[in-house]
Amino acid sequence: MWSTKKGKEMKKVFFVLTLLFTSNAFAATGSGHAQTELETPLKVTSLADVTFQTIAIDPSAGPQVLTMEECPATYVCTGPKLYGFLDIRGAPSTVVHASLTGSTATLSDGAGNTITFDPFFRGAPRYETLNTALSAGGALSLNVDGLLYLTGNEPAGTYSSKNAGGSGYQITVNY
């Protein structure tokens, strides 16, 4: 069929082509793996609202900024005060980042009059962010204080972020 010399060359070509198309040398399969770690979802619960004392305003004093610890000499502050109390739950002994940055609350008397409240975590110094670990039981308790901005011209009434026209502050907590 093939001449001897040409036949040998054709056999070599045929043999090489057979190796190219039937060999696994140019293709392979394998497998890979994946993994992830799932954390316990964080839960934030407000157990107590920030409650300032009853404040008697002297309009002639002009604008004032109050904290839970400080009442201007021109105002009269009486009665109990209560720091806000936040309960945070998550993965035990895991570091969390908590932030009140950029968050304010609007306290309203329900009739269109408002006061601004600027929250911060209670401590020395005052801070709006913190990085801390949850306890071995997965809990963290935070107290909230803040600044109350009064113009001195607010009409008497009960001002709350829960009244119509009010809004609460926001806390952000993440791992």
Protein backbone atom coordinates (compact mmCIF):
# COMPACT_ATOMS: atom_id res chain seq x y z
CA MET A 1 0.00 0.00 0.00
CA TRP A 2 2.64 2.53 0.93
CA SER A 3 6.07 2.45 -0.48
CA THR A 4 8.64 1.51 2.06
CA LYS A 5 10.20 4.91 2.68
CA LYS A 6 7.01 6.89 2.30
CA GLY A 7 5.10 4.27 4.26
CA LYS A 8 7.43 4.54 7.23
CA GLU A 9 7.09 8.33 7.27
CA MET A 10 3.30 8.12 7.06
CA LYS A 11 3.25 5.59 9.88
CA LYS A 12 5.29 8.00 12.04
CA VAL A 13 2.91 10.88 11.28
CA PHE A 14 -0.11 8.65 11.97
CA PHE A 15 1.48 7.46 15.23
CA VAL A 16 2.23 11.04 16.41
CA LEU A 17 -1.29 12.19 15.52
CA THR A 18 -2.75 9.24 17.42
CA LEU A 19 -0.72 10.16 20.49
CA LEU A 20 -1.79 13.81 20.30
CA PHE A 21 -5.49 13.06 20.13
CA THR A 22 -5.63 10.13 22.56
CA SER A 23 -3.16 11.24 25.24
CA ASN A 24 -4.28 12.87 28.52
CA ALA A 25 -1.09 14.90 28.60
CA PHE A 26 -2.90 18.06 27.47
CA ALA A 27 -5.99 17.83 29.69
CA ALA A 28 -6.62 17.02 33.32
CA THR A 29 -9.40 17.25 35.87
CA GLY A 30 -9.23 17.92 39.56
CA SER A 31 -11.30 19.21 42.41
CA GLY A 32 -11.25 22.20 44.75
CA HIS A 33 -12.70 22.93 48.17
CA ALA A 34 -14.45 25.84 49.88
CA GLN A 35 -15.23 26.80 53.46
CA THR A 36 -16.80 29.56 55.49
CA GLU A 37 -17.34 30.44 59.11
CA LEU A 38 -20.76 31.62 60.22
CA GLU A 39 -21.05 33.98 63.18
CA THR A 40 -23.94 34.25 65.58
CA PRO A 41 -26.12 37.15 64.39
CA LEU A 42 -25.77 40.30 66.47
CA LYS A 43 -28.81 41.52 68.38
CA VAL A 44 -29.16 44.98 69.92
CA THR A 45 -31.93 45.66 72.44
CA SER A 46 -32.66 48.97 74.12
CA LEU A 47 -33.50 48.17 77.73
CA ALA A 48 -33.82 51.77 78.96
CA ASP A 49 -34.30 55.14 77.26
CA VAL A 50 -32.09 58.13 78.01
CA THR A 51 -34.13 60.26 80.42
CA PHE A 52 -33.01 63.74 81.37
CA GLN A 53 -34.25 65.40 84.52
CA THR A 54 -37.18 67.80 84.47
CA ILE A 55 -35.73 71.11 83.25
CA ALA A 56 -37.02 74.60 84.01
CA ILE A 57 -35.77 76.85 81.20
CA ASP A 58 -34.84 80.50 81.63
CA PRO A 59 -35.41 82.03 78.15
CA SER A 60 -33.07 84.93 78.97
CA ALA A 61 -30.18 82.46 79.29
CA GLY A 62 -30.23 81.79 75.56
CA PRO A 63 -29.08 78.52 73.95
CA GLN A 64 -27.66 75.90 76.28
CA VAL A 65 -26.17 72.43 75.91
CA LEU A 66 -26.98 69.99 78.69
CA THR A 67 -25.54 66.61 79.61
CA MET A 68 -26.86 64.18 82.20
CA GLU A 69 -24.22 65.44 84.66
CA GLU A 70 -24.41 69.16 83.95
CA CYS A 71 -27.30 71.58 84.37
CA PRO A 72 -26.54 75.22 83.54
CA ALA A 73 -26.73 77.59 86.52
CA THR A 74 -29.50 79.55 84.77
CA TYR A 75 -31.72 76.41 84.52
CA VAL A 76 -33.25 74.30 87.28
CA CYS A 77 -32.94 70.53 86.81
CA THR A 78 -34.86 68.28 89.22
CA GLY A 79 -35.90 64.67 89.52
CA PRO A 80 -34.35 61.41 88.42
CA LYS A 81 -32.17 60.96 85.37
CA LEU A 82 -31.54 57.68 83.60
CA TYR A 83 -28.79 56.70 81.19
CA GLY A 84 -29.81 54.71 78.16
CA PHE A 85 -29.02 51.03 78.45
CA LEU A 86 -28.25 48.87 75.41
CA ASP A 87 -27.84 45.10 75.52
CA ILE A 88 -25.78 43.56 72.69
CA ARG A 89 -25.68 39.79 72.10
CA GLY A 90 -23.52 37.82 69.68
CA ALA A 91 -20.68 35.31 69.37
CA PRO A 92 -18.87 34.80 72.70
CA SER A 93 -15.54 36.60 73.16
CA THR A 94 -15.73 38.16 69.68
CA VAL A 95 -14.65 41.77 69.08
CA VAL A 96 -17.43 44.09 67.91
CA HIS A 97 -17.41 47.65 66.61
CA ALA A 98 -20.24 49.85 67.96
CA SER A 99 -20.93 53.32 66.60
CA LEU A 100 -23.27 56.23 67.29
CA THR A 101 -21.34 58.45 64.85
CA GLY A 102 -23.56 60.79 62.86
CA SER A 103 -26.67 59.73 64.73
CA THR A 104 -28.89 62.23 66.48
CA ALA A 105 -32.38 61.98 67.90
CA THR A 106 -35.15 64.51 67.50
CA LEU A 107 -37.24 64.96 70.61
CA SER A 108 -40.67 66.37 69.85
CA ASP A 109 -43.53 67.65 71.97
CA GLY A 110 -45.95 66.31 69.34
CA ALA A 111 -47.00 69.84 68.39
CA GLY A 112 -44.12 70.66 66.04
CA ASN A 113 -41.56 71.84 68.62
CA THR A 114 -38.31 69.86 68.70
CA ILE A 115 -35.04 69.50 70.60
CA THR A 116 -31.91 67.78 69.25
CA PHE A 117 -30.23 65.02 71.24
CA ASP A 118 -26.68 63.95 70.27
CA PRO A 119 -25.87 60.56 71.86
CA PHE A 120 -22.53 59.16 72.97
CA PHE A 121 -21.44 56.12 74.95
CA ARG A 122 -21.04 56.95 78.62
CA GLY A 123 -17.45 56.93 79.79
CA ALA A 124 -14.43 59.13 80.14
CA PRO A 125 -13.71 60.51 77.65
CA ARG A 126 -16.99 60.75 75.79
CA TYR A 127 -16.89 58.55 72.71
CA GLU A 128 -19.14 57.78 69.78
CA THR A 129 -17.38 54.60 68.61
CA LEU A 130 -15.78 51.70 70.40
CA ASN A 131 -14.14 48.37 69.67
CA THR A 132 -14.57 45.86 72.45
CA ALA A 133 -15.11 42.14 72.96
CA LEU A 134 -18.34 40.49 73.92
CA SER A 135 -18.14 38.52 77.16
CA ALA A 136 -17.54 34.78 77.29
CA GLY A 137 -21.33 34.51 77.38
CA GLY A 138 -21.66 36.65 74.23
CA ALA A 139 -23.02 39.80 75.92
CA LEU A 140 -22.11 43.48 76.14
CA SER A 141 -23.90 46.23 78.05
CA LEU A 142 -23.51 49.87 77.02
CA ASN A 143 -24.75 53.02 78.70
CA VAL A 144 -25.79 55.94 76.51
CA ASP A 145 -25.47 59.58 77.57
CA GLY A 146 -25.66 62.58 75.31
CA LEU A 147 -25.97 66.28 74.69
CA LEU A 148 -29.32 68.04 74.71
CA TYR A 149 -29.38 71.25 72.64
CA LEU A 150 -31.85 73.82 73.97
CA THR A 151 -32.57 77.22 72.42
CA GLY A 152 -34.19 78.56 75.58
CA ASN A 153 -37.40 79.28 73.68
CA GLU A 154 -38.97 75.81 73.73
CA PRO A 155 -42.51 75.80 75.09
CA ALA A 156 -43.21 73.66 78.15
CA GLY A 157 -44.16 70.06 77.42
CA THR A 158 -42.95 66.48 77.34
CA TYR A 159 -40.38 66.05 74.58
CA SER A 160 -39.66 62.52 73.38
CA SER A 161 -38.30 60.79 70.30
CA LYS A 162 -41.43 58.59 70.54
CA ASN A 163 -43.83 61.53 70.06
CA ALA A 164 -45.15 62.50 66.61
CA GLY A 165 -42.38 64.39 64.82
CA GLY A 166 -39.65 62.72 66.88
CA SER A 167 -37.03 60.18 65.84
CA GLY A 168 -34.64 57.98 67.81
CA TYR A 169 -30.88 57.72 67.49
CA GLN A 170 -29.28 54.78 65.66
CA ILE A 171 -26.56 52.47 66.89
CA THR A 172 -24.57 50.36 64.45
CA VAL A 173 -22.85 47.21 65.73
CA ASN A 174 -20.86 44.81 63.56
CA TYR A 175 -18.14 42.19 63.87
